Amino acid sequence: MSRISIDEVKHVANLARLAITEEEANEFKNQLEAIITYAEQLNEVDTDNVEPTTHVLHMRNVLREDEPKKGLPIEDVLKNAPDAKDGHIRVPSIME
């Protein structure tokens, strides 16, 4: 028994804005059948004692500690600012 019909293949193609021929629809139907069959094999795997995971690899934070340190002198920061006044970078107003 077929798990997916030609009409369903054409419907999905239409949703994806794909124009497919009858021959392509049959080919995609066969490919989708193979994908569904493969995916259904996962239902046979015993996962009762498997802990849920968010990532397959053990992940840890590899970033340095967030410690405060002295930044650039204000004069150096303002050198690249197109408009500065009183130690601040001026930007165009976005509100009236």
PDB file of N, CA and C in Angstrom:
ATOM      1  N   MET A   1       0.841  -1.187   0.000  1.00  0.00           N
ATOM      2  CA  MET A   1       0.000   0.000   0.000  1.00  0.00           C
ATOM      3  C   MET A   1       0.879   1.240   0.000  1.00  0.00           C
ATOM      4  N   SER A   2       0.499   2.186  -0.772  1.00  0.00           N
ATOM      5  CA  SER A   2       1.265   3.419  -0.901  1.00  0.00           C
ATOM      6  C   SER A   2       1.032   4.335   0.301  1.00  0.00           C
ATOM      7  N   ARG A   3       2.090   4.900   0.805  1.00  0.00           N
ATOM      8  CA  ARG A   3       1.984   5.809   1.946  1.00  0.00           C
ATOM      9  C   ARG A   3       1.734   7.248   1.508  1.00  0.00           C
ATOM     10  N   ILE A   4       2.031   7.538   0.267  1.00  0.00           N
ATOM     11  CA  ILE A   4       1.848   8.894  -0.251  1.00  0.00           C
ATOM     12  C   ILE A   4       1.309   8.787  -1.673  1.00  0.00           C
ATOM     13  N   SER A   5       0.353   9.622  -1.987  1.00  0.00           N
ATOM     14  CA  SER A   5      -0.280   9.546  -3.308  1.00  0.00           C
ATOM     15  C   SER A   5       0.333  10.576  -4.259  1.00  0.00           C
ATOM     16  N   ILE A   6       0.067  10.364  -5.528  1.00  0.00           N
ATOM     17  CA  ILE A   6       0.514  11.309  -6.553  1.00  0.00           C
ATOM     18  C   ILE A   6      -0.107  12.678  -6.293  1.00  0.00           C
ATOM     19  N   ASP A   7      -1.380  12.684  -5.882  1.00  0.00           N
ATOM     20  CA  ASP A   7      -2.050  13.958  -5.592  1.00  0.00           C
ATOM     21  C   ASP A   7      -1.361  14.703  -4.454  1.00  0.00           C
ATOM     22  N   GLU A   8      -0.897  13.967  -3.436  1.00  0.00           N
ATOM     23  CA  GLU A   8      -0.180  14.610  -2.322  1.00  0.00           C
ATOM     24  C   GLU A   8       1.156  15.175  -2.794  1.00  0.00           C
ATOM     25  N   VAL A   9       1.835  14.451  -3.665  1.00  0.00           N
ATOM     26  CA  VAL A   9       3.096  14.938  -4.225  1.00  0.00           C
ATOM     27  C   VAL A   9       2.847  16.219  -5.015  1.00  0.00           C
ATOM     28  N   LYS A  10       1.815  16.215  -5.822  1.00  0.00           N
ATOM     29  CA  LYS A  10       1.495  17.419  -6.614  1.00  0.00           C
ATOM     30  C   LYS A  10       1.098  18.579  -5.705  1.00  0.00           C
ATOM     31  N   HIS A  11       0.380  18.282  -4.620  1.00  0.00           N
ATOM     32  CA  HIS A  11      -0.025  19.319  -3.680  1.00  0.00           C
ATOM     33  C   HIS A  11       1.206  19.963  -3.025  1.00  0.00           C
ATOM     34  N   VAL A  12       2.139  19.130  -2.588  1.00  0.00           N
ATOM     35  CA  VAL A  12       3.365  19.653  -1.972  1.00  0.00           C
ATOM     36  C   VAL A  12       4.168  20.460  -2.995  1.00  0.00           C
ATOM     37  N   ALA A  13       4.236  19.979  -4.218  1.00  0.00           N
ATOM     38  CA  ALA A  13       4.936  20.712  -5.274  1.00  0.00           C
ATOM     39  C   ALA A  13       4.278  22.068  -5.505  1.00  0.00           C
ATOM     40  N   ASN A  14       2.960  22.091  -5.486  1.00  0.00           N
ATOM     41  CA  ASN A  14       2.232  23.347  -5.665  1.00  0.00           C
ATOM     42  C   ASN A  14       2.524  24.313  -4.515  1.00  0.00           C
ATOM     43  N   LEU A  15       2.553  23.794  -3.286  1.00  0.00           N
ATOM     44  CA  LEU A  15       2.855  24.640  -2.131  1.00  0.00           C
ATOM     45  C   LEU A  15       4.262  25.214  -2.225  1.00  0.00           C
ATOM     46  N   ALA A  16       5.180  24.439  -2.813  1.00  0.00           N
ATOM     47  CA  ALA A  16       6.560  24.889  -2.975  1.00  0.00           C
ATOM     48  C   ALA A  16       6.743  25.698  -4.254  1.00  0.00           C
ATOM     49  N   ARG A  17       5.642  25.936  -4.942  1.00  0.00           N
ATOM     50  CA  ARG A  17       5.657  26.702  -6.201  1.00  0.00           C
ATOM     51  C   ARG A  17       6.558  26.051  -7.249  1.00  0.00           C
ATOM     52  N   LEU A  18       6.462  24.705  -7.312  1.00  0.00           N
ATOM     53  CA  LEU A  18       7.224  23.945  -8.292  1.00  0.00           C
ATOM     54  C   LEU A  18       6.285  23.400  -9.351  1.00  0.00           C
ATOM     55  N   ALA A  19       6.654  23.584 -10.586  1.00  0.00           N
ATOM     56  CA  ALA A  19       5.900  22.996 -11.684  1.00  0.00           C
ATOM     57  C   ALA A  19       6.568  21.656 -12.028  1.00  0.00           C
ATOM     58  N   ILE A  20       5.836  20.553 -11.818  1.00  0.00           N
ATOM     59  CA  ILE A  20       6.412  19.236 -12.099  1.00  0.00           C
ATOM     60  C   ILE A  20       5.532  18.498 -13.090  1.00  0.00           C
ATOM     61  N   THR A  21       6.186  17.649 -13.861  1.00  0.00           N
ATOM     62  CA  THR A  21       5.464  16.837 -14.837  1.00  0.00           C
ATOM     63  C   THR A  21       4.937  15.583 -14.149  1.00  0.00           C
ATOM     64  N   GLU A  22       4.109  14.841 -14.863  1.00  0.00           N
ATOM     65  CA  GLU A  22       3.570  13.587 -14.331  1.00  0.00           C
ATOM     66  C   GLU A  22       4.706  12.592 -14.058  1.00  0.00           C
ATOM     67  N   GLU A  23       5.685  12.572 -14.940  1.00  0.00           N
ATOM     68  CA  GLU A  23       6.838  11.681 -14.768  1.00  0.00           C
ATOM     69  C   GLU A  23       7.634  12.067 -13.513  1.00  0.00           C
ATOM     70  N   GLU A  24       7.839  13.364 -13.319  1.00  0.00           N
ATOM     71  CA  GLU A  24       8.556  13.827 -12.121  1.00  0.00           C
ATOM     72  C   GLU A  24       7.759  13.520 -10.853  1.00  0.00           C
ATOM     73  N   ALA A  25       6.438  13.661 -10.925  1.00  0.00           N
ATOM     74  CA  ALA A  25       5.597  13.363  -9.767  1.00  0.00           C
ATOM     75  C   ALA A  25       5.745  11.897  -9.372  1.00  0.00           C
ATOM     76  N   ASN A  26       5.774  10.999 -10.346  1.00  0.00           N
ATOM     77  CA  ASN A  26       5.963   9.575 -10.051  1.00  0.00           C
ATOM     78  C   ASN A  26       7.346   9.307  -9.441  1.00  0.00           C
ATOM     79  N   GLU A  27       8.366   9.985  -9.989  1.00  0.00           N
ATOM     80  CA  GLU A  27       9.719   9.816  -9.461  1.00  0.00           C
ATOM     81  C   GLU A  27       9.808  10.336  -8.020  1.00  0.00           C
ATOM     82  N   PHE A  28       9.230  11.511  -7.766  1.00  0.00           N
ATOM     83  CA  PHE A  28       9.238  12.069  -6.409  1.00  0.00           C
ATOM     84  C   PHE A  28       8.435  11.197  -5.446  1.00  0.00           C
ATOM     85  N   LYS A  29       7.350  10.613  -5.940  1.00  0.00           N
ATOM     86  CA  LYS A  29       6.540   9.713  -5.111  1.00  0.00           C
ATOM     87  C   LYS A  29       7.389   8.546  -4.639  1.00  0.00           C
ATOM     88  N   ASN A  30       8.152   7.944  -5.558  1.00  0.00           N
ATOM     89  CA  ASN A  30       9.017   6.823  -5.199  1.00  0.00           C
ATOM     90  C   ASN A  30      10.104   7.248  -4.209  1.00  0.00           C
ATOM     91  N   GLN A  31      10.672   8.405  -4.431  1.00  0.00           N
ATOM     92  CA  GLN A  31      11.716   8.899  -3.533  1.00  0.00           C
ATOM     93  C   GLN A  31      11.146   9.180  -2.141  1.00  0.00           C
ATOM     94  N   LEU A  32       9.965   9.789  -2.089  1.00  0.00           N
ATOM     95  CA  LEU A  32       9.338  10.077  -0.803  1.00  0.00           C
ATOM     96  C   LEU A  32       8.939   8.791  -0.079  1.00  0.00           C
ATOM     97  N   GLU A  33       8.509   7.794  -0.823  1.00  0.00           N
ATOM     98  CA  GLU A  33       8.204   6.488  -0.229  1.00  0.00           C
ATOM     99  C   GLU A  33       9.446   5.915   0.445  1.00  0.00           C
ATOM    100  N   ALA A  34      10.585   6.014  -0.228  1.00  0.00           N
ATOM    101  CA  ALA A  34      11.831   5.489   0.337  1.00  0.00           C
ATOM    102  C   ALA A  34      12.219   6.261   1.603  1.00  0.00           C
ATOM    103  N   ILE A  35      12.020   7.566   1.591  1.00  0.00           N
ATOM    104  CA  ILE A  35      12.340   8.389   2.762  1.00  0.00           C
ATOM    105  C   ILE A  35      11.435   8.027   3.931  1.00  0.00           C
ATOM    106  N   ILE A  36      10.143   7.863   3.665  1.00  0.00           N
ATOM    107  CA  ILE A  36       9.186   7.506   4.720  1.00  0.00           C
ATOM    108  C   ILE A  36       9.528   6.129   5.298  1.00  0.00           C
ATOM    109  N   THR A  37       9.855   5.170   4.435  1.00  0.00           N
ATOM    110  CA  THR A  37      10.224   3.832   4.887  1.00  0.00           C
ATOM    111  C   THR A  37      11.451   3.895   5.793  1.00  0.00           C
ATOM    112  N   TYR A  38      12.437   4.673   5.390  1.00  0.00           N
ATOM    113  CA  TYR A  38      13.656   4.813   6.194  1.00  0.00           C
ATOM    114  C   TYR A  38      13.340   5.466   7.539  1.00  0.00           C
ATOM    115  N   ALA A  39      12.529   6.523   7.533  1.00  0.00           N
ATOM    116  CA  ALA A  39      12.184   7.225   8.769  1.00  0.00           C
ATOM    117  C   ALA A  39      11.392   6.323   9.708  1.00  0.00           C
ATOM    118  N   GLU A  40      10.558   5.448   9.173  1.00  0.00           N
ATOM    119  CA  GLU A  40       9.765   4.546  10.008  1.00  0.00           C
ATOM    120  C   GLU A  40      10.627   3.526  10.748  1.00  0.00           C
ATOM    121  N   GLN A  41      11.817   3.270  10.248  1.00  0.00           N
ATOM    122  CA  GLN A  41      12.727   2.362  10.943  1.00  0.00           C
ATOM    123  C   GLN A  41      13.107   2.917  12.314  1.00  0.00           C
ATOM    124  N   LEU A  42      13.073   4.219  12.477  1.00  0.00           N
ATOM    125  CA  LEU A  42      13.403   4.829  13.758  1.00  0.00           C
ATOM    126  C   LEU A  42      12.398   4.447  14.837  1.00  0.00           C
ATOM    127  N   ASN A  43      11.158   4.135  14.446  1.00  0.00           N
ATOM    128  CA  ASN A  43      10.151   3.714  15.416  1.00  0.00           C
ATOM    129  C   ASN A  43      10.484   2.359  16.031  1.00  0.00           C
ATOM    130  N   GLU A  44      11.329   1.576  15.376  1.00  0.00           N
ATOM    131  CA  GLU A  44      11.684   0.250  15.867  1.00  0.00           C
ATOM    132  C   GLU A  44      12.828   0.283  16.870  1.00  0.00           C
ATOM    133  N   VAL A  45      13.500   1.409  16.992  1.00  0.00           N
ATOM    134  CA  VAL A  45      14.644   1.524  17.894  1.00  0.00           C
ATOM    135  C   VAL A  45      14.149   1.665  19.328  1.00  0.00           C
ATOM    136  N   ASP A  46      14.720   0.878  20.236  1.00  0.00           N
ATOM    137  CA  ASP A  46      14.359   0.936  21.649  1.00  0.00           C
ATOM    138  C   ASP A  46      15.060   2.135  22.290  1.00  0.00           C
ATOM    139  N   THR A  47      14.283   3.122  22.706  1.00  0.00           N
ATOM    140  CA  THR A  47      14.832   4.340  23.314  1.00  0.00           C
ATOM    141  C   THR A  47      14.364   4.516  24.751  1.00  0.00           C
ATOM    142  N   ASP A  48      13.901   3.448  25.379  1.00  0.00           N
ATOM    143  CA  ASP A  48      13.360   3.550  26.732  1.00  0.00           C
ATOM    144  C   ASP A  48      14.384   4.045  27.742  1.00  0.00           C
ATOM    145  N   ASN A  49      15.625   3.594  27.654  1.00  0.00           N
ATOM    146  CA  ASN A  49      16.638   3.967  28.637  1.00  0.00           C
ATOM    147  C   ASN A  49      17.618   5.013  28.108  1.00  0.00           C
ATOM    148  N   VAL A  50      17.207   5.756  27.120  1.00  0.00           N
ATOM    149  CA  VAL A  50      18.078   6.776  26.543  1.00  0.00           C
ATOM    150  C   VAL A  50      17.682   8.135  27.110  1.00  0.00           C
ATOM    151  N   GLU A  51      18.665   8.829  27.682  1.00  0.00           N
ATOM    152  CA  GLU A  51      18.418  10.156  28.239  1.00  0.00           C
ATOM    153  C   GLU A  51      18.190  11.143  27.092  1.00  0.00           C
ATOM    154  N   PRO A  52      17.216  12.031  27.242  1.00  0.00           N
ATOM    155  CA  PRO A  52      17.032  13.076  26.227  1.00  0.00           C
ATOM    156  C   PRO A  52      18.259  13.985  26.165  1.00  0.00           C
ATOM    157  N   THR A  53      18.619  14.390  24.979  1.00  0.00           N
ATOM    158  CA  THR A  53      19.772  15.274  24.826  1.00  0.00           C
ATOM    159  C   THR A  53      19.408  16.463  23.960  1.00  0.00           C
ATOM    160  N   THR A  54      20.161  17.516  24.139  1.00  0.00           N
ATOM    161  CA  THR A  54      19.976  18.687  23.283  1.00  0.00           C
ATOM    162  C   THR A  54      21.065  18.755  22.230  1.00  0.00           C
ATOM    163  N   HIS A  55      22.135  17.990  22.449  1.00  0.00           N
ATOM    164  CA  HIS A  55      23.241  17.977  21.499  1.00  0.00           C
ATOM    165  C   HIS A  55      23.930  16.621  21.610  1.00  0.00           C
ATOM    166  N   VAL A  56      24.392  16.086  20.510  1.00  0.00           N
ATOM    167  CA  VAL A  56      24.995  14.762  20.542  1.00  0.00           C
ATOM    168  C   VAL A  56      26.396  14.771  21.139  1.00  0.00           C
ATOM    169  N   LEU A  57      27.036  15.919  21.130  1.00  0.00           N
ATOM    170  CA  LEU A  57      28.373  16.041  21.699  1.00  0.00           C
ATOM    171  C   LEU A  57      28.304  16.734  23.047  1.00  0.00           C
ATOM    172  N   HIS A  58      29.200  16.352  23.954  1.00  0.00           N
ATOM    173  CA  HIS A  58      29.271  17.036  25.235  1.00  0.00           C
ATOM    174  C   HIS A  58      29.787  18.448  24.986  1.00  0.00           C
ATOM    175  N   MET A  59      28.977  19.417  25.295  1.00  0.00           N
ATOM    176  CA  MET A  59      29.356  20.807  25.044  1.00  0.00           C
ATOM    177  C   MET A  59      29.667  21.489  26.368  1.00  0.00           C
ATOM    178  N   ARG A  60      30.617  22.385  26.323  1.00  0.00           N
ATOM    179  CA  ARG A  60      30.916  23.201  27.488  1.00  0.00           C
ATOM    180  C   ARG A  60      31.258  24.591  26.994  1.00  0.00           C
ATOM    181  N   ASN A  61      31.188  25.531  27.885  1.00  0.00           N
ATOM    182  CA  ASN A  61      31.500  26.903  27.520  1.00  0.00           C
ATOM    183  C   ASN A  61      33.003  27.025  27.307  1.00  0.00           C
ATOM    184  N   VAL A  62      33.398  27.375  26.107  1.00  0.00           N
ATOM    185  CA  VAL A  62      34.817  27.489  25.797  1.00  0.00           C
ATOM    186  C   VAL A  62      35.273  28.944  25.772  1.00  0.00           C
ATOM    187  N   LEU A  63      34.412  29.838  26.208  1.00  0.00           N
ATOM    188  CA  LEU A  63      34.765  31.248  26.223  1.00  0.00           C
ATOM    189  C   LEU A  63      35.498  31.592  27.508  1.00  0.00           C
ATOM    190  N   ARG A  64      36.238  32.664  27.467  1.00  0.00           N
ATOM    191  CA  ARG A  64      36.956  33.106  28.661  1.00  0.00           C
ATOM    192  C   ARG A  64      35.977  33.662  29.677  1.00  0.00           C
ATOM    193  N   GLU A  65      36.416  33.800  30.904  1.00  0.00           N
ATOM    194  CA  GLU A  65      35.599  34.408  31.940  1.00  0.00           C
ATOM    195  C   GLU A  65      35.332  35.867  31.575  1.00  0.00           C
ATOM    196  N   ASP A  66      34.155  36.329  31.895  1.00  0.00           N
ATOM    197  CA  ASP A  66      33.778  37.703  31.617  1.00  0.00           C
ATOM    198  C   ASP A  66      34.257  38.589  32.771  1.00  0.00           C
ATOM    199  N   GLU A  67      35.467  39.085  32.624  1.00  0.00           N
ATOM    200  CA  GLU A  67      36.060  39.914  33.666  1.00  0.00           C
ATOM    201  C   GLU A  67      36.223  41.335  33.149  1.00  0.00           C
ATOM    202  N   PRO A  68      35.857  42.318  33.951  1.00  0.00           N
ATOM    203  CA  PRO A  68      36.013  43.706  33.506  1.00  0.00           C
ATOM    204  C   PRO A  68      37.487  44.069  33.385  1.00  0.00           C
ATOM    205  N   LYS A  69      37.792  44.865  32.380  1.00  0.00           N
ATOM    206  CA  LYS A  69      39.152  45.378  32.223  1.00  0.00           C
ATOM    207  C   LYS A  69      39.077  46.754  31.589  1.00  0.00           C
ATOM    208  N   LYS A  70      40.132  47.464  31.668  1.00  0.00           N
ATOM    209  CA  LYS A  70      40.177  48.829  31.175  1.00  0.00           C
ATOM    210  C   LYS A  70      40.020  48.831  29.654  1.00  0.00           C
ATOM    211  N   GLY A  71      39.152  49.712  29.165  1.00  0.00           N
ATOM    212  CA  GLY A  71      38.919  49.826  27.728  1.00  0.00           C
ATOM    213  C   GLY A  71      39.833  50.854  27.091  1.00  0.00           C
ATOM    214  N   LEU A  72      39.509  51.200  25.864  1.00  0.00           N
ATOM    215  CA  LEU A  72      40.293  52.188  25.135  1.00  0.00           C
ATOM    216  C   LEU A  72      40.086  53.578  25.725  1.00  0.00           C
ATOM    217  N   PRO A  73      41.081  54.422  25.598  1.00  0.00           N
ATOM    218  CA  PRO A  73      40.893  55.817  26.011  1.00  0.00           C
ATOM    219  C   PRO A  73      39.820  56.474  25.139  1.00  0.00           C
ATOM    220  N   ILE A  74      39.013  57.347  25.724  1.00  0.00           N
ATOM    221  CA  ILE A  74      37.898  57.965  25.008  1.00  0.00           C
ATOM    222  C   ILE A  74      38.364  58.712  23.757  1.00  0.00           C
ATOM    223  N   GLU A  75      39.567  59.283  23.819  1.00  0.00           N
ATOM    224  CA  GLU A  75      40.090  60.005  22.648  1.00  0.00           C
ATOM    225  C   GLU A  75      40.275  59.066  21.462  1.00  0.00           C
ATOM    226  N   ASP A  76      40.778  57.845  21.728  1.00  0.00           N
ATOM    227  CA  ASP A  76      40.963  56.866  20.657  1.00  0.00           C
ATOM    228  C   ASP A  76      39.623  56.395  20.095  1.00  0.00           C
ATOM    229  N   VAL A  77      38.626  56.224  20.965  1.00  0.00           N
ATOM    230  CA  VAL A  77      37.304  55.776  20.527  1.00  0.00           C
ATOM    231  C   VAL A  77      36.673  56.829  19.626  1.00  0.00           C
ATOM    232  N   LEU A  78      36.781  58.079  19.989  1.00  0.00           N
ATOM    233  CA  LEU A  78      36.123  59.157  19.240  1.00  0.00           C
ATOM    234  C   LEU A  78      36.849  59.537  17.957  1.00  0.00           C
ATOM    235  N   LYS A  79      38.069  59.038  17.733  1.00  0.00           N
ATOM    236  CA  LYS A  79      38.811  59.336  16.502  1.00  0.00           C
ATOM    237  C   LYS A  79      38.042  58.889  15.260  1.00  0.00           C
ATOM    238  N   ASN A  80      37.345  57.754  15.330  1.00  0.00           N
ATOM    239  CA  ASN A  80      36.628  57.215  14.176  1.00  0.00           C
ATOM    240  C   ASN A  80      35.172  57.644  14.112  1.00  0.00           C
ATOM    241  N   ALA A  81      34.709  58.383  15.107  1.00  0.00           N
ATOM    242  CA  ALA A  81      33.303  58.813  15.117  1.00  0.00           C
ATOM    243  C   ALA A  81      33.118  59.961  14.140  1.00  0.00           C
ATOM    244  N   PRO A  82      32.101  59.884  13.269  1.00  0.00           N
ATOM    245  CA  PRO A  82      31.877  60.970  12.321  1.00  0.00           C
ATOM    246  C   PRO A  82      31.426  62.265  13.013  1.00  0.00           C
ATOM    247  N   ASP A  83      30.789  62.160  14.168  1.00  0.00           N
ATOM    248  CA  ASP A  83      30.312  63.339  14.883  1.00  0.00           C
ATOM    249  C   ASP A  83      30.392  63.051  16.379  1.00  0.00           C
ATOM    250  N   ALA A  84      31.116  63.863  17.113  1.00  0.00           N
ATOM    251  CA  ALA A  84      31.259  63.671  18.559  1.00  0.00           C
ATOM    252  C   ALA A  84      31.135  65.007  19.259  1.00  0.00           C
ATOM    253  N   LYS A  85      30.617  64.965  20.489  1.00  0.00           N
ATOM    254  CA  LYS A  85      30.480  66.186  21.279  1.00  0.00           C
ATOM    255  C   LYS A  85      30.522  65.806  22.753  1.00  0.00           C
ATOM    256  N   ASP A  86      31.313  66.495  23.512  1.00  0.00           N
ATOM    257  CA  ASP A  86      31.423  66.304  24.960  1.00  0.00           C
ATOM    258  C   ASP A  86      31.708  64.846  25.345  1.00  0.00           C
ATOM    259  N   GLY A  87      32.566  64.163  24.572  1.00  0.00           N
ATOM    260  CA  GLY A  87      32.951  62.802  24.905  1.00  0.00           C
ATOM    261  C   GLY A  87      31.947  61.744  24.500  1.00  0.00           C
ATOM    262  N   HIS A  88      30.963  62.112  23.695  1.00  0.00           N
ATOM    263  CA  HIS A  88      29.944  61.165  23.253  1.00  0.00           C
ATOM    264  C   HIS A  88      29.870  61.153  21.727  1.00  0.00           C
ATOM    265  N   ILE A  89      29.461  60.013  21.171  1.00  0.00           N
ATOM    266  CA  ILE A  89      29.226  59.911  19.731  1.00  0.00           C
ATOM    267  C   ILE A  89      27.822  60.406  19.459  1.00  0.00           C
ATOM    268  N   ARG A  90      27.701  61.348  18.541  1.00  0.00           N
ATOM    269  CA  ARG A  90      26.384  61.894  18.197  1.00  0.00           C
ATOM    270  C   ARG A  90      25.841  61.123  16.998  1.00  0.00           C
ATOM    271  N   VAL A  91      24.554  60.832  17.083  1.00  0.00           N
ATOM    272  CA  VAL A  91      23.864  60.124  15.998  1.00  0.00           C
ATOM    273  C   VAL A  91      22.612  60.908  15.626  1.00  0.00           C
ATOM    274  N   PRO A  92      22.094  60.701  14.410  1.00  0.00           N
ATOM    275  CA  PRO A  92      20.882  61.416  14.033  1.00  0.00           C
ATOM    276  C   PRO A  92      19.703  61.004  14.925  1.00  0.00           C
ATOM    277  N   SER A  93      18.838  61.939  15.197  1.00  0.00           N
ATOM    278  CA  SER A  93      17.657  61.672  16.001  1.00  0.00           C
ATOM    279  C   SER A  93      16.687  60.798  15.215  1.00  0.00           C
ATOM    280  N   ILE A  94      16.065  59.836  15.897  1.00  0.00           N
ATOM    281  CA  ILE A  94      15.082  58.988  15.233  1.00  0.00           C
ATOM    282  C   ILE A  94      13.683  59.299  15.712  1.00  0.00           C
ATOM    283  N   MET A  95      13.572  60.160  16.696  1.00  0.00           N
ATOM    284  CA  MET A  95      12.258  60.538  17.228  1.00  0.00           C
ATOM    285  C   MET A  95      12.102  62.044  17.131  1.00  0.00           C
ATOM    286  N   GLU A  96      10.888  62.455  16.908  1.00  0.00           N
ATOM    287  CA  GLU A  96      10.639  63.895  16.819  1.00  0.00           C
ATOM    288  C   GLU A  96      10.117  64.413  18.123  1.00  0.00           C
TER     289      GLU A  96
END
